[in-house]
PDB file of N, CA and C in Angstrom:
ATOM      1  N   MET A   1      31.609  22.132  -1.605  1.00  0.00           N
ATOM      2  CA  MET A   1      30.416  21.967  -1.719  1.00  0.00           C
ATOM      3  C   MET A   1      29.706  22.254  -0.288  1.00  0.00           C
ATOM      4  N   ALA A   2      30.911  22.034   0.909  1.00  0.00           N
ATOM      5  CA  ALA A   2      30.179  22.688   1.702  1.00  0.00           C
ATOM      6  C   ALA A   2      30.021  24.276   2.211  1.00  0.00           C
ATOM      7  N   LEU A   3      30.753  24.613   1.058  1.00  0.00           N
ATOM      8  CA  LEU A   3      30.622  26.095   1.008  1.00  0.00           C
ATOM      9  C   LEU A   3      28.800  26.525   0.318  1.00  0.00           C
ATOM     10  N   ALA A   4      28.259  25.793   0.047  1.00  0.00           N
ATOM     11  CA  ALA A   4      27.430  25.938  -1.093  1.00  0.00           C
ATOM     12  C   ALA A   4      26.409  25.683  -0.036  1.00  0.00           C
ATOM     13  N   MET A   5      26.206  24.701   0.420  1.00  0.00           N
ATOM     14  CA  MET A   5      25.733  24.311   1.111  1.00  0.00           C
ATOM     15  C   MET A   5      25.348  25.349   2.033  1.00  0.00           C
ATOM     16  N   LEU A   6      26.128  25.892   3.132  1.00  0.00           N
ATOM     17  CA  LEU A   6      25.933  27.015   3.751  1.00  0.00           C
ATOM     18  C   LEU A   6      25.328  28.178   3.305  1.00  0.00           C
ATOM     19  N   SER A   7      26.200  28.508   2.042  1.00  0.00           N
ATOM     20  CA  SER A   7      25.152  29.764   1.600  1.00  0.00           C
ATOM     21  C   SER A   7      23.606  29.617   0.754  1.00  0.00           C
ATOM     22  N   LEU A   8      23.165  28.229   0.784  1.00  0.00           N
ATOM     23  CA  LEU A   8      21.685  28.510   1.054  1.00  0.00           C
ATOM     24  C   LEU A   8      21.143  28.520   2.213  1.00  0.00           C
ATOM     25  N   ALA A   9      22.000  27.843   3.027  1.00  0.00           N
ATOM     26  CA  ALA A   9      21.328  27.602   4.595  1.00  0.00           C
ATOM     27  C   ALA A   9      21.487  28.434   4.811  1.00  0.00           C
ATOM     28  N   ALA A  10      22.116  30.024   4.757  1.00  0.00           N
ATOM     29  CA  ALA A  10      22.377  31.269   5.153  1.00  0.00           C
ATOM     30  C   ALA A  10      21.220  31.791   4.311  1.00  0.00           C
ATOM     31  N   CYS A  11      20.558  31.792   2.997  1.00  0.00           N
ATOM     32  CA  CYS A  11      19.521  32.232   2.506  1.00  0.00           C
ATOM     33  C   CYS A  11      17.881  31.769   3.072  1.00  0.00           C
ATOM     34  N   GLY A  12      18.354  30.774   3.730  1.00  0.00           N
ATOM     35  CA  GLY A  12      16.933  30.346   3.797  1.00  0.00           C
ATOM     36  C   GLY A  12      16.187  29.507   3.189  1.00  0.00           C
ATOM     37  N   LEU A  13      17.308  28.952   1.848  1.00  0.00           N
ATOM     38  CA  LEU A  13      16.877  28.388   1.061  1.00  0.00           C
ATOM     39  C   LEU A  13      17.930  26.726   1.590  1.00  0.00           C
ATOM     40  N   ARG A  14      16.951  25.744   1.012  1.00  0.00           N
ATOM     41  CA  ARG A  14      16.655  24.342   1.333  1.00  0.00           C
ATOM     42  C   ARG A  14      17.448  23.388  -0.348  1.00  0.00           C
ATOM     43  N   PRO A  15      18.602  22.645   0.323  1.00  0.00           N
ATOM     44  CA  PRO A  15      18.583  22.002  -0.997  1.00  0.00           C
ATOM     45  C   PRO A  15      17.538  20.942  -1.711  1.00  0.00           C
ATOM     46  N   SER A  16      17.990  21.080  -3.239  1.00  0.00           N
ATOM     47  CA  SER A  16      16.516  20.581  -3.667  1.00  0.00           C
ATOM     48  C   SER A  16      17.248  18.870  -3.685  1.00  0.00           C
ATOM     49  N   ALA A  17      15.479  18.158  -3.328  1.00  0.00           N
ATOM     50  CA  ALA A  17      15.986  16.880  -3.517  1.00  0.00           C
ATOM     51  C   ALA A  17      16.315  16.044  -4.806  1.00  0.00           C
ATOM     52  N   PRO A  18      16.767  15.038  -4.726  1.00  0.00           N
ATOM     53  CA  PRO A  18      17.650  14.038  -6.064  1.00  0.00           C
ATOM     54  C   PRO A  18      16.118  13.993  -6.746  1.00  0.00           C
ATOM     55  N   ALA A  19      16.619  14.168  -8.158  1.00  0.00           N
ATOM     56  CA  ALA A  19      15.733  14.585  -8.960  1.00  0.00           C
ATOM     57  C   ALA A  19      14.949  13.078  -9.541  1.00  0.00           C
ATOM     58  N   SER A  20      15.242  11.582  -8.376  1.00  0.00           N
ATOM     59  CA  SER A  20      14.821  10.795  -8.752  1.00  0.00           C
ATOM     60  C   SER A  20      13.994   9.605  -7.285  1.00  0.00           C
ATOM     61  N   THR A  21      13.320  11.007  -6.925  1.00  0.00           N
ATOM     62  CA  THR A  21      12.872  10.507  -5.216  1.00  0.00           C
ATOM     63  C   THR A  21      11.646  11.649  -5.162  1.00  0.00           C
ATOM     64  N   GLY A  22      10.328  11.334  -4.521  1.00  0.00           N
ATOM     65  CA  GLY A  22       9.919  11.779  -4.217  1.00  0.00           C
ATOM     66  C   GLY A  22       8.052  11.062  -4.273  1.00  0.00           C
ATOM     67  N   VAL A  23       7.479  12.277  -4.777  1.00  0.00           N
ATOM     68  CA  VAL A  23       6.079  11.195  -5.149  1.00  0.00           C
ATOM     69  C   VAL A  23       5.398  11.598  -6.704  1.00  0.00           C
ATOM     70  N   GLU A  24       4.732  10.521  -6.706  1.00  0.00           N
ATOM     71  CA  GLU A  24       3.697  11.142  -8.159  1.00  0.00           C
ATOM     72  C   GLU A  24       2.775   9.820  -8.034  1.00  0.00           C
ATOM     73  N   GLY A  25       1.822  10.155  -9.169  1.00  0.00           N
ATOM     74  CA  GLY A  25       0.263   9.587  -8.832  1.00  0.00           C
ATOM     75  C   GLY A  25      -1.088  10.092  -9.945  1.00  0.00           C
ATOM     76  N   VAL A  26      -1.476   9.639  -9.450  1.00  0.00           N
ATOM     77  CA  VAL A  26      -2.731  10.342  -9.709  1.00  0.00           C
ATOM     78  C   VAL A  26      -3.872  10.943  -8.832  1.00  0.00           C
ATOM     79  N   MET A  27      -4.916  12.396  -9.307  1.00  0.00           N
ATOM     80  CA  MET A  27      -5.701  12.655  -8.768  1.00  0.00           C
ATOM     81  C   MET A  27      -7.076  12.193  -9.540  1.00  0.00           C
ATOM     82  N   THR A  28      -7.977  11.938  -8.768  1.00  0.00           N
ATOM     83  CA  THR A  28      -9.248  11.522  -9.422  1.00  0.00           C
ATOM     84  C   THR A  28     -10.847  11.970  -9.107  1.00  0.00           C
ATOM     85  N   ILE A  29     -11.264  12.292  -9.238  1.00  0.00           N
ATOM     86  CA  ILE A  29     -12.696  12.732  -8.589  1.00  0.00           C
ATOM     87  C   ILE A  29     -14.308  11.986  -8.582  1.00  0.00           C
ATOM     88  N   GLY A  30     -15.099  12.039  -8.129  1.00  0.00           N
ATOM     89  CA  GLY A  30     -16.409  11.176  -8.508  1.00  0.00           C
ATOM     90  C   GLY A  30     -16.692  11.231  -7.386  1.00  0.00           C
ATOM     91  N   PRO A  31     -18.175  10.737  -7.214  1.00  0.00           N
ATOM     92  CA  PRO A  31     -18.669  10.124  -8.604  1.00  0.00           C
ATOM     93  C   PRO A  31     -18.996  11.429  -9.261  1.00  0.00           C
ATOM     94  N   THR A  32     -19.326  11.371 -10.809  1.00  0.00           N
ATOM     95  CA  THR A  32     -19.266  11.792 -11.846  1.00  0.00           C
ATOM     96  C   THR A  32     -20.611  12.224 -11.881  1.00  0.00           C
ATOM     97  N   CYS A  33     -21.595  11.539 -11.633  1.00  0.00           N
ATOM     98  CA  CYS A  33     -23.389  11.417 -12.335  1.00  0.00           C
ATOM     99  C   CYS A  33     -24.241  11.143 -10.904  1.00  0.00           C
ATOM    100  N   PRO A  34     -25.142  11.545 -11.315  1.00  0.00           N
ATOM    101  CA  PRO A  34     -26.149  11.773 -10.074  1.00  0.00           C
ATOM    102  C   PRO A  34     -26.936  10.339  -9.229  1.00  0.00           C
ATOM    103  N   VAL A  35     -26.978   9.857 -11.481  1.00  0.00           N
ATOM    104  CA  VAL A  35     -27.294   8.048 -10.469  1.00  0.00           C
ATOM    105  C   VAL A  35     -26.380   7.168 -11.436  1.00  0.00           C
ATOM    106  N   GLN A  36     -26.331   5.702 -10.267  1.00  0.00           N
ATOM    107  CA  GLN A  36     -25.118   5.373 -11.130  1.00  0.00           C
ATOM    108  C   GLN A  36     -26.243   3.437 -11.423  1.00  0.00           C
ATOM    109  N   ARG A  37     -25.878   3.309 -12.162  1.00  0.00           N
ATOM    110  CA  ARG A  37     -26.700   2.367 -12.236  1.00  0.00           C
ATOM    111  C   ARG A  37     -25.479   1.402 -13.461  1.00  0.00           C
ATOM    112  N   VAL A  38     -25.893  -0.486 -13.306  1.00  0.00           N
ATOM    113  CA  VAL A  38     -24.859  -1.718 -12.970  1.00  0.00           C
ATOM    114  C   VAL A  38     -24.787  -1.135 -14.256  1.00  0.00           C
ATOM    115  N   ASP A  39     -25.662  -0.820 -15.620  1.00  0.00           N
ATOM    116  CA  ASP A  39     -25.603  -0.742 -16.585  1.00  0.00           C
ATOM    117  C   ASP A  39     -25.229   0.103 -17.586  1.00  0.00           C
ATOM    118  N   GLN A  40     -25.041   1.150 -16.808  1.00  0.00           N
ATOM    119  CA  GLN A  40     -24.260   2.852 -16.954  1.00  0.00           C
ATOM    120  C   GLN A  40     -23.351   3.019 -16.101  1.00  0.00           C
ATOM    121  N   PRO A  41     -21.967   2.654 -15.820  1.00  0.00           N
ATOM    122  CA  PRO A  41     -21.345   2.676 -15.500  1.00  0.00           C
ATOM    123  C   PRO A  41     -21.037   4.296 -15.156  1.00  0.00           C
ATOM    124  N   CYS A  42     -19.917   4.675 -14.019  1.00  0.00           N
ATOM    125  CA  CYS A  42     -19.340   5.783 -14.340  1.00  0.00           C
ATOM    126  C   CYS A  42     -18.946   5.776 -13.439  1.00  0.00           C
ATOM    127  N   PRO A  43     -17.383   6.008 -13.781  1.00  0.00           N
ATOM    128  CA  PRO A  43     -16.170   5.830 -13.366  1.00  0.00           C
ATOM    129  C   PRO A  43     -15.773   6.970 -13.071  1.00  0.00           C
ATOM    130  N   ASP A  44     -15.013   7.088 -11.426  1.00  0.00           N
ATOM    131  CA  ASP A  44     -14.467   8.107 -11.409  1.00  0.00           C
ATOM    132  C   ASP A  44     -13.734   8.982 -12.603  1.00  0.00           C
ATOM    133  N   ARG A  45     -12.826  10.418 -12.770  1.00  0.00           N
ATOM    134  CA  ARG A  45     -12.423  10.886 -13.681  1.00  0.00           C
ATOM    135  C   ARG A  45     -11.409  11.475 -13.223  1.00  0.00           C
ATOM    136  N   PRO A  46     -10.601  11.827 -14.059  1.00  0.00           N
ATOM    137  CA  PRO A  46      -9.175  11.853 -14.095  1.00  0.00           C
ATOM    138  C   PRO A  46      -9.758  13.710 -13.355  1.00  0.00           C
ATOM    139  N   PHE A  47      -8.580  14.462 -12.199  1.00  0.00           N
ATOM    140  CA  PHE A  47      -9.057  15.472 -12.026  1.00  0.00           C
ATOM    141  C   PHE A  47      -7.932  16.519 -11.700  1.00  0.00           C
ATOM    142  N   ALA A  48      -7.629  17.965 -12.142  1.00  0.00           N
ATOM    143  CA  ALA A  48      -6.491  18.709 -12.105  1.00  0.00           C
ATOM    144  C   ALA A  48      -6.684  19.273 -10.785  1.00  0.00           C
ATOM    145  N   GLY A  49      -6.115  18.395  -9.097  1.00  0.00           N
ATOM    146  CA  GLY A  49      -6.750  18.960  -8.977  1.00  0.00           C
ATOM    147  C   GLY A  49      -4.669  19.462  -8.080  1.00  0.00           C
ATOM    148  N   GLU A  50      -5.152  20.376  -7.032  1.00  0.00           N
ATOM    149  CA  GLU A  50      -4.172  20.350  -6.684  1.00  0.00           C
ATOM    150  C   GLU A  50      -3.953  19.670  -4.937  1.00  0.00           C
ATOM    151  N   VAL A  51      -3.228  19.642  -4.230  1.00  0.00           N
ATOM    152  CA  VAL A  51      -1.682  19.242  -2.703  1.00  0.00           C
ATOM    153  C   VAL A  51      -1.147  19.909  -2.409  1.00  0.00           C
ATOM    154  N   SER A  52      -1.165  20.355  -1.323  1.00  0.00           N
ATOM    155  CA  SER A  52       0.209  20.612  -0.279  1.00  0.00           C
ATOM    156  C   SER A  52       0.965  19.621   0.422  1.00  0.00           C
ATOM    157  N   VAL A  53       2.002  19.805   0.448  1.00  0.00           N
ATOM    158  CA  VAL A  53       2.638  19.048   1.124  1.00  0.00           C
ATOM    159  C   VAL A  53       3.808  19.017   2.204  1.00  0.00           C
ATOM    160  N   ARG A  54       3.196  18.560   3.163  1.00  0.00           N
ATOM    161  CA  ARG A  54       3.209  19.646   3.923  1.00  0.00           C
ATOM    162  C   ARG A  54       4.324  18.063   5.492  1.00  0.00           C
ATOM    163  N   ASP A  55       5.289  18.904   5.336  1.00  0.00           N
ATOM    164  CA  ASP A  55       6.665  17.652   6.389  1.00  0.00           C
ATOM    165  C   ASP A  55       6.221  17.591   8.369  1.00  0.00           C
ATOM    166  N   GLY A  56       6.503  16.862   8.489  1.00  0.00           N
ATOM    167  CA  GLY A  56       6.589  16.375   9.636  1.00  0.00           C
ATOM    168  C   GLY A  56       5.853  17.123  10.829  1.00  0.00           C
ATOM    169  N   SER A  57       6.521  18.803  10.536  1.00  0.00           N
ATOM    170  CA  SER A  57       5.922  19.125  11.769  1.00  0.00           C
ATOM    171  C   SER A  57       4.846  20.416  10.545  1.00  0.00           C
ATOM    172  N   GLY A  58       3.645  19.953   9.868  1.00  0.00           N
ATOM    173  CA  GLY A  58       2.881  19.963   9.193  1.00  0.00           C
ATOM    174  C   GLY A  58       3.023  21.489   8.603  1.00  0.00           C
ATOM    175  N   GLY A  59       4.894  22.165   7.913  1.00  0.00           N
ATOM    176  CA  GLY A  59       5.064  23.601   7.103  1.00  0.00           C
ATOM    177  C   GLY A  59       5.275  22.757   5.796  1.00  0.00           C
ATOM    178  N   GLU A  60       4.464  23.316   5.233  1.00  0.00           N
ATOM    179  CA  GLU A  60       4.164  23.280   3.067  1.00  0.00           C
ATOM    180  C   GLU A  60       5.615  23.100   3.051  1.00  0.00           C
ATOM    181  N   VAL A  61       6.250  22.160   2.233  1.00  0.00           N
ATOM    182  CA  VAL A  61       7.150  22.096   1.742  1.00  0.00           C
ATOM    183  C   VAL A  61       6.853  21.920  -0.107  1.00  0.00           C
ATOM    184  N   ALA A  62       6.398  21.945  -0.870  1.00  0.00           N
ATOM    185  CA  ALA A  62       6.118  22.018  -2.371  1.00  0.00           C
ATOM    186  C   ALA A  62       4.276  21.771  -2.118  1.00  0.00           C
ATOM    187  N   ASP A  63       4.185  22.552  -3.184  1.00  0.00           N
ATOM    188  CA  ASP A  63       2.899  22.623  -3.698  1.00  0.00           C
ATOM    189  C   ASP A  63       2.481  22.203  -5.097  1.00  0.00           C
ATOM    190  N   VAL A  64       1.210  20.891  -5.535  1.00  0.00           N
ATOM    191  CA  VAL A  64       1.309  20.560  -6.185  1.00  0.00           C
ATOM    192  C   VAL A  64       0.324  20.485  -7.584  1.00  0.00           C
ATOM    193  N   HIS A  65       0.144  20.597  -8.175  1.00  0.00           N
ATOM    194  CA  HIS A  65      -1.365  20.558  -9.251  1.00  0.00           C
ATOM    195  C   HIS A  65      -0.993  19.523 -10.636  1.00  0.00           C
ATOM    196  N   ALA A  66      -1.990  18.537 -10.532  1.00  0.00           N
ATOM    197  CA  ALA A  66      -2.102  17.903 -11.526  1.00  0.00           C
ATOM    198  C   ALA A  66      -2.582  18.513 -12.886  1.00  0.00           C
ATOM    199  N   ASP A  67      -1.937  17.490 -14.260  1.00  0.00           N
ATOM    200  CA  ASP A  67      -2.279  18.070 -15.194  1.00  0.00           C
ATOM    201  C   ASP A  67      -4.394  17.750 -15.785  1.00  0.00           C
ATOM    202  N   ALA A  68      -4.099  17.982 -16.903  1.00  0.00           N
ATOM    203  CA  ALA A  68      -5.695  17.857 -16.841  1.00  0.00           C
ATOM    204  C   ALA A  68      -5.696  16.302 -16.761  1.00  0.00           C
ATOM    205  N   ALA A  69      -5.003  15.428 -17.212  1.00  0.00           N
ATOM    206  CA  ALA A  69      -5.522  13.898 -16.978  1.00  0.00           C
ATOM    207  C   ALA A  69      -4.849  13.393 -15.513  1.00  0.00           C
ATOM    208  N   GLY A  70      -4.771  14.711 -15.090  1.00  0.00           N
ATOM    209  CA  GLY A  70      -4.805  14.253 -13.295  1.00  0.00           C
ATOM    210  C   GLY A  70      -3.744  13.139 -12.837  1.00  0.00           C
ATOM    211  N   HIS A  71      -1.980  13.237 -13.575  1.00  0.00           N
ATOM    212  CA  HIS A  71      -1.013  13.163 -13.249  1.00  0.00           C
ATOM    213  C   HIS A  71      -0.121  14.161 -12.528  1.00  0.00           C
ATOM    214  N   PHE A  72       0.643  13.452 -11.622  1.00  0.00           N
ATOM    215  CA  PHE A  72       1.226  14.320 -10.598  1.00  0.00           C
ATOM    216  C   PHE A  72       3.004  13.618 -10.703  1.00  0.00           C
ATOM    217  N   ARG A  73       3.226  15.347 -10.166  1.00  0.00           N
ATOM    218  CA  ARG A  73       5.412  14.142  -9.918  1.00  0.00           C
ATOM    219  C   ARG A  73       5.180  15.519  -8.577  1.00  0.00           C
ATOM    220  N   VAL A  74       6.186  15.404  -7.775  1.00  0.00           N
ATOM    221  CA  VAL A  74       6.824  16.268  -6.868  1.00  0.00           C
ATOM    222  C   VAL A  74       8.548  15.641  -6.378  1.00  0.00           C
ATOM    223  N   ASP A  75       9.035  16.022  -6.765  1.00  0.00           N
ATOM    224  CA  ASP A  75      10.194  15.687  -5.927  1.00  0.00           C
ATOM    225  C   ASP A  75      10.420  15.986  -4.450  1.00  0.00           C
ATOM    226  N   LEU A  76      11.244  14.919  -3.898  1.00  0.00           N
ATOM    227  CA  LEU A  76      10.771  14.851  -2.567  1.00  0.00           C
ATOM    228  C   LEU A  76      11.990  14.000  -1.286  1.00  0.00           C
ATOM    229  N   ALA A  77      12.753  14.850  -0.593  1.00  0.00           N
ATOM    230  CA  ALA A  77      13.804  14.237  -0.278  1.00  0.00           C
ATOM    231  C   ALA A  77      13.402  13.197   0.801  1.00  0.00           C
ATOM    232  N   ALA A  78      14.193  11.697   0.771  1.00  0.00           N
ATOM    233  CA  ALA A  78      13.753  10.577   2.119  1.00  0.00           C
ATOM    234  C   ALA A  78      12.727  11.365   2.988  1.00  0.00           C
ATOM    235  N   GLY A  79      11.777  10.710   3.324  1.00  0.00           N
ATOM    236  CA  GLY A  79      11.437  10.875   4.473  1.00  0.00           C
ATOM    237  C   GLY A  79       9.688  10.907   4.958  1.00  0.00           C
ATOM    238  N   THR A  80       9.050  11.266   5.996  1.00  0.00           N
ATOM    239  CA  THR A  80       6.941  11.024   5.750  1.00  0.00           C
ATOM    240  C   THR A  80       6.727  12.701   5.506  1.00  0.00           C
ATOM    241  N   TYR A  81       5.566  12.572   4.805  1.00  0.00           N
ATOM    242  CA  TYR A  81       5.106  13.609   4.484  1.00  0.00           C
ATOM    243  C   TYR A  81       3.491  13.513   4.290  1.00  0.00           C
ATOM    244  N   GLN A  82       2.579  14.621   5.005  1.00  0.00           N
ATOM    245  CA  GLN A  82       1.482  14.457   4.626  1.00  0.00           C
ATOM    246  C   GLN A  82       0.889  15.092   3.398  1.00  0.00           C
ATOM    247  N   LEU A  83       0.150  14.682   2.371  1.00  0.00           N
ATOM    248  CA  LEU A  83      -0.832  15.309   0.957  1.00  0.00           C
ATOM    249  C   LEU A  83      -1.807  15.962   1.708  1.00  0.00           C
ATOM    250  N   VAL A  84      -1.998  16.703   1.443  1.00  0.00           N
ATOM    251  CA  VAL A  84      -3.742  17.374   1.908  1.00  0.00           C
ATOM    252  C   VAL A  84      -4.104  17.896   0.395  1.00  0.00           C
ATOM    253  N   PRO A  85      -5.090  17.344   0.346  1.00  0.00           N
ATOM    254  CA  PRO A  85      -6.035  17.686  -1.152  1.00  0.00           C
ATOM    255  C   PRO A  85      -6.414  19.046  -1.202  1.00  0.00           C
ATOM    256  N   LEU A  86      -6.337  20.082  -1.823  1.00  0.00           N
ATOM    257  CA  LEU A  86      -7.321  21.808  -2.080  1.00  0.00           C
ATOM    258  C   LEU A  86      -8.099  21.394  -2.635  1.00  0.00           C
ATOM    259  N   SER A  87      -8.998  22.338  -1.504  1.00  0.00           N
ATOM    260  CA  SER A  87     -10.284  22.310  -2.932  1.00  0.00           C
ATOM    261  C   SER A  87      -9.925  23.544  -3.552  1.00  0.00           C
ATOM    262  N   PRO A  88     -11.025  23.603  -4.813  1.00  0.00           N
ATOM    263  CA  PRO A  88     -10.424  25.216  -5.695  1.00  0.00           C
ATOM    264  C   PRO A  88     -11.397  25.790  -5.110  1.00  0.00           C
ATOM    265  N   HIS A  89     -12.818  25.968  -4.028  1.00  0.00           N
ATOM    266  CA  HIS A  89     -13.557  26.218  -3.418  1.00  0.00           C
ATOM    267  C   HIS A  89     -13.143  26.491  -2.544  1.00  0.00           C
ATOM    268  N   PRO A  90     -12.790  27.302  -1.114  1.00  0.00           N
ATOM    269  CA  PRO A  90     -12.540  26.750   0.067  1.00  0.00           C
ATOM    270  C   PRO A  90     -13.667  26.346   0.726  1.00  0.00           C
ATOM    271  N   GLY A  91     -14.427  25.713   1.539  1.00  0.00           N
ATOM    272  CA  GLY A  91     -15.000  24.961   2.528  1.00  0.00           C
ATOM    273  C   GLY A  91     -16.653  24.679   0.926  1.00  0.00           C
ATOM    274  N   MET A  92     -16.054  24.019   0.235  1.00  0.00           N
ATOM    275  CA  MET A  92     -17.027  23.753  -0.795  1.00  0.00           C
ATOM    276  C   MET A  92     -16.534  22.485  -1.945  1.00  0.00           C
ATOM    277  N   PRO A  93     -17.211  21.373  -2.169  1.00  0.00           N
ATOM    278  CA  PRO A  93     -16.912  20.582  -3.239  1.00  0.00           C
ATOM    279  C   PRO A  93     -16.308  20.668  -3.711  1.00  0.00           C
ATOM    280  N   PRO A  94     -15.189  20.304  -4.943  1.00  0.00           N
ATOM    281  CA  PRO A  94     -14.768  18.395  -4.039  1.00  0.00           C
ATOM    282  C   PRO A  94     -13.685  19.056  -2.910  1.00  0.00           C
ATOM    283  N   PHE A  95     -13.720  17.450  -2.286  1.00  0.00           N
ATOM    284  CA  PHE A  95     -12.731  17.620  -1.304  1.00  0.00           C
ATOM    285  C   PHE A  95     -12.201  15.898  -1.421  1.00  0.00           C
ATOM    286  N   GLY A  96     -11.154  16.289  -1.040  1.00  0.00           N
ATOM    287  CA  GLY A  96     -10.171  15.385  -0.385  1.00  0.00           C
ATOM    288  C   GLY A  96      -9.471  15.090   0.875  1.00  0.00           C
ATOM    289  N   LYS A  97      -9.428  13.466   1.224  1.00  0.00           N
ATOM    290  CA  LYS A  97      -8.488  12.688   2.445  1.00  0.00           C
ATOM    291  C   LYS A  97      -7.369  13.594   2.223  1.00  0.00           C
ATOM    292  N   PRO A  98      -6.336  13.267   3.142  1.00  0.00           N
ATOM    293  CA  PRO A  98      -5.037  14.249   3.843  1.00  0.00           C
ATOM    294  C   PRO A  98      -4.745  12.305   3.684  1.00  0.00           C
ATOM    295  N   GLN A  99      -3.784  12.535   3.186  1.00  0.00           N
ATOM    296  CA  GLN A  99      -2.593  11.506   3.590  1.00  0.00           C
ATOM    297  C   GLN A  99      -1.198  11.269   3.602  1.00  0.00           C
ATOM    298  N   THR A 100      -0.745  10.195   4.739  1.00  0.00           N
ATOM    299  CA  THR A 100       0.690  10.446   5.013  1.00  0.00           C
ATOM    300  C   THR A 100       0.972   9.292   3.765  1.00  0.00           C
ATOM    301  N   VAL A 101       2.077  10.154   3.658  1.00  0.00           N
ATOM    302  CA  VAL A 101       3.132   8.880   2.519  1.00  0.00           C
ATOM    303  C   VAL A 101       5.009   9.169   2.923  1.00  0.00           C
ATOM    304  N   THR A 102       5.359   8.072   3.045  1.00  0.00           N
ATOM    305  CA  THR A 102       6.849   7.639   3.191  1.00  0.00           C
ATOM    306  C   THR A 102       7.887   7.659   1.711  1.00  0.00           C
ATOM    307  N   VAL A 103       8.507   8.654   1.543  1.00  0.00           N
ATOM    308  CA  VAL A 103       9.611   8.403   0.552  1.00  0.00           C
ATOM    309  C   VAL A 103      10.768   8.080   0.629  1.00  0.00           C
ATOM    310  N   VAL A 104      11.145   7.013   0.149  1.00  0.00           N
ATOM    311  CA  VAL A 104      12.542   5.980  -0.101  1.00  0.00           C
ATOM    312  C   VAL A 104      13.439   7.063  -0.953  1.00  0.00           C
ATOM    313  N   PRO A 105      14.889   6.964  -0.467  1.00  0.00           N
ATOM    314  CA  PRO A 105      15.760   7.315  -1.763  1.00  0.00           C
ATOM    315  C   PRO A 105      15.365   6.680  -2.536  1.00  0.00           C
ATOM    316  N   GLY A 106      15.780   7.077  -3.737  1.00  0.00           N
ATOM    317  CA  GLY A 106      15.794   6.356  -5.080  1.00  0.00           C
ATOM    318  C   GLY A 106      14.614   6.137  -5.757  1.00  0.00           C
ATOM    319  N   GLN A 107      13.987   6.493  -5.402  1.00  0.00           N
ATOM    320  CA  GLN A 107      12.607   5.447  -6.142  1.00  0.00           C
ATOM    321  C   GLN A 107      11.230   7.268  -5.718  1.00  0.00           C
ATOM    322  N   TYR A 108      10.046   7.096  -6.672  1.00  0.00           N
ATOM    323  CA  TYR A 108       8.788   7.361  -5.851  1.00  0.00           C
ATOM    324  C   TYR A 108       7.820   6.693  -5.605  1.00  0.00           C
ATOM    325  N   THR A 109       7.254   7.818  -4.376  1.00  0.00           N
ATOM    326  CA  THR A 109       6.377   6.513  -4.083  1.00  0.00           C
ATOM    327  C   THR A 109       4.850   6.582  -4.924  1.00  0.00           C
ATOM    328  N   GLN A 110       3.512   5.930  -5.215  1.00  0.00           N
ATOM    329  CA  GLN A 110       2.818   5.867  -6.088  1.00  0.00           C
ATOM    330  C   GLN A 110       1.482   5.976  -5.073  1.00  0.00           C
ATOM    331  N   VAL A 111       0.712   7.219  -5.281  1.00  0.00           N
ATOM    332  CA  VAL A 111      -0.103   7.353  -4.955  1.00  0.00           C
ATOM    333  C   VAL A 111      -1.692   7.698  -5.491  1.00  0.00           C
ATOM    334  N   THR A 112      -2.555   7.440  -5.186  1.00  0.00           N
ATOM    335  CA  THR A 112      -4.312   7.837  -6.210  1.00  0.00           C
ATOM    336  C   THR A 112      -4.820   8.925  -4.757  1.00  0.00           C
ATOM    337  N   ILE A 113      -4.740  10.444  -5.201  1.00  0.00           N
ATOM    338  CA  ILE A 113      -5.715  10.963  -4.563  1.00  0.00           C
ATOM    339  C   ILE A 113      -7.037  10.821  -4.854  1.00  0.00           C
ATOM    340  N   GLU A 114      -7.800  10.729  -4.405  1.00  0.00           N
ATOM    341  CA  GLU A 114      -9.456  10.516  -4.424  1.00  0.00           C
ATOM    342  C   GLU A 114     -10.054  12.022  -4.187  1.00  0.00           C
ATOM    343  N   TYR A 115     -10.566  12.864  -4.792  1.00  0.00           N
ATOM    344  CA  TYR A 115     -11.917  13.988  -4.169  1.00  0.00           C
ATOM    345  C   TYR A 115     -13.182  13.639  -4.200  1.00  0.00           C
ATOM    346  N   ASP A 116     -13.477  14.208  -3.142  1.00  0.00           N
ATOM    347  CA  ASP A 116     -15.577  13.014  -3.604  1.00  0.00           C
ATOM    348  C   ASP A 116     -15.979  14.517  -4.621  1.00  0.00           C
ATOM    349  N   SER A 117     -16.640  14.589  -5.394  1.00  0.00           N
ATOM    350  CA  SER A 117     -17.439  15.645  -5.812  1.00  0.00           C
ATOM    351  C   SER A 117     -18.533  16.093  -5.651  1.00  0.00           C
ATOM    352  N   GLY A 118     -18.810  15.450  -4.177  1.00  0.00           N
ATOM    353  CA  GLY A 118     -20.386  15.993  -3.621  1.00  0.00           C
ATOM    354  C   GLY A 118     -21.961  15.803  -3.962  1.00  0.00           C
ATOM    355  N   ILE A 119     -21.576  14.717  -5.159  1.00  0.00           N
ATOM    356  CA  ILE A 119     -22.571  14.629  -5.961  1.00  0.00           C
ATOM    357  C   ILE A 119     -23.350  13.095  -5.353  1.00  0.00           C
ATOM    358  N   ARG A 120     -24.951  13.496  -5.707  1.00  0.00           N
ATOM    359  CA  ARG A 120     -25.560  12.603  -4.318  1.00  0.00           C
ATOM    360  C   ARG A 120     -26.880  11.908  -5.760  1.00  0.00           C
TER     361      ARG A 120
END
């Protein structure tokens, strides 16, 4: 086992995270209507966005895409990470706010990543 770990380190690869540890959640986008009225609600919608997962030093450790329903899951080792939502068109909406998450051993940390559509 130790020899296998050393071999991976020599190749610049890291061993993968345990399959039961990481971050999962949903990405949404809103507002989705230019005018919202009490009698015609316009809830946020699922968004198939992309998020860069960065470690404490700012290095990207994963890139995750949500499916059409906005769901995503990424296996990560225990630790603290920053989730940085990426705009499909850099410099233009939609935008998401980065958030810091802590992953604990043996479970998935639940998050919601909200994108602002820019509609006003």
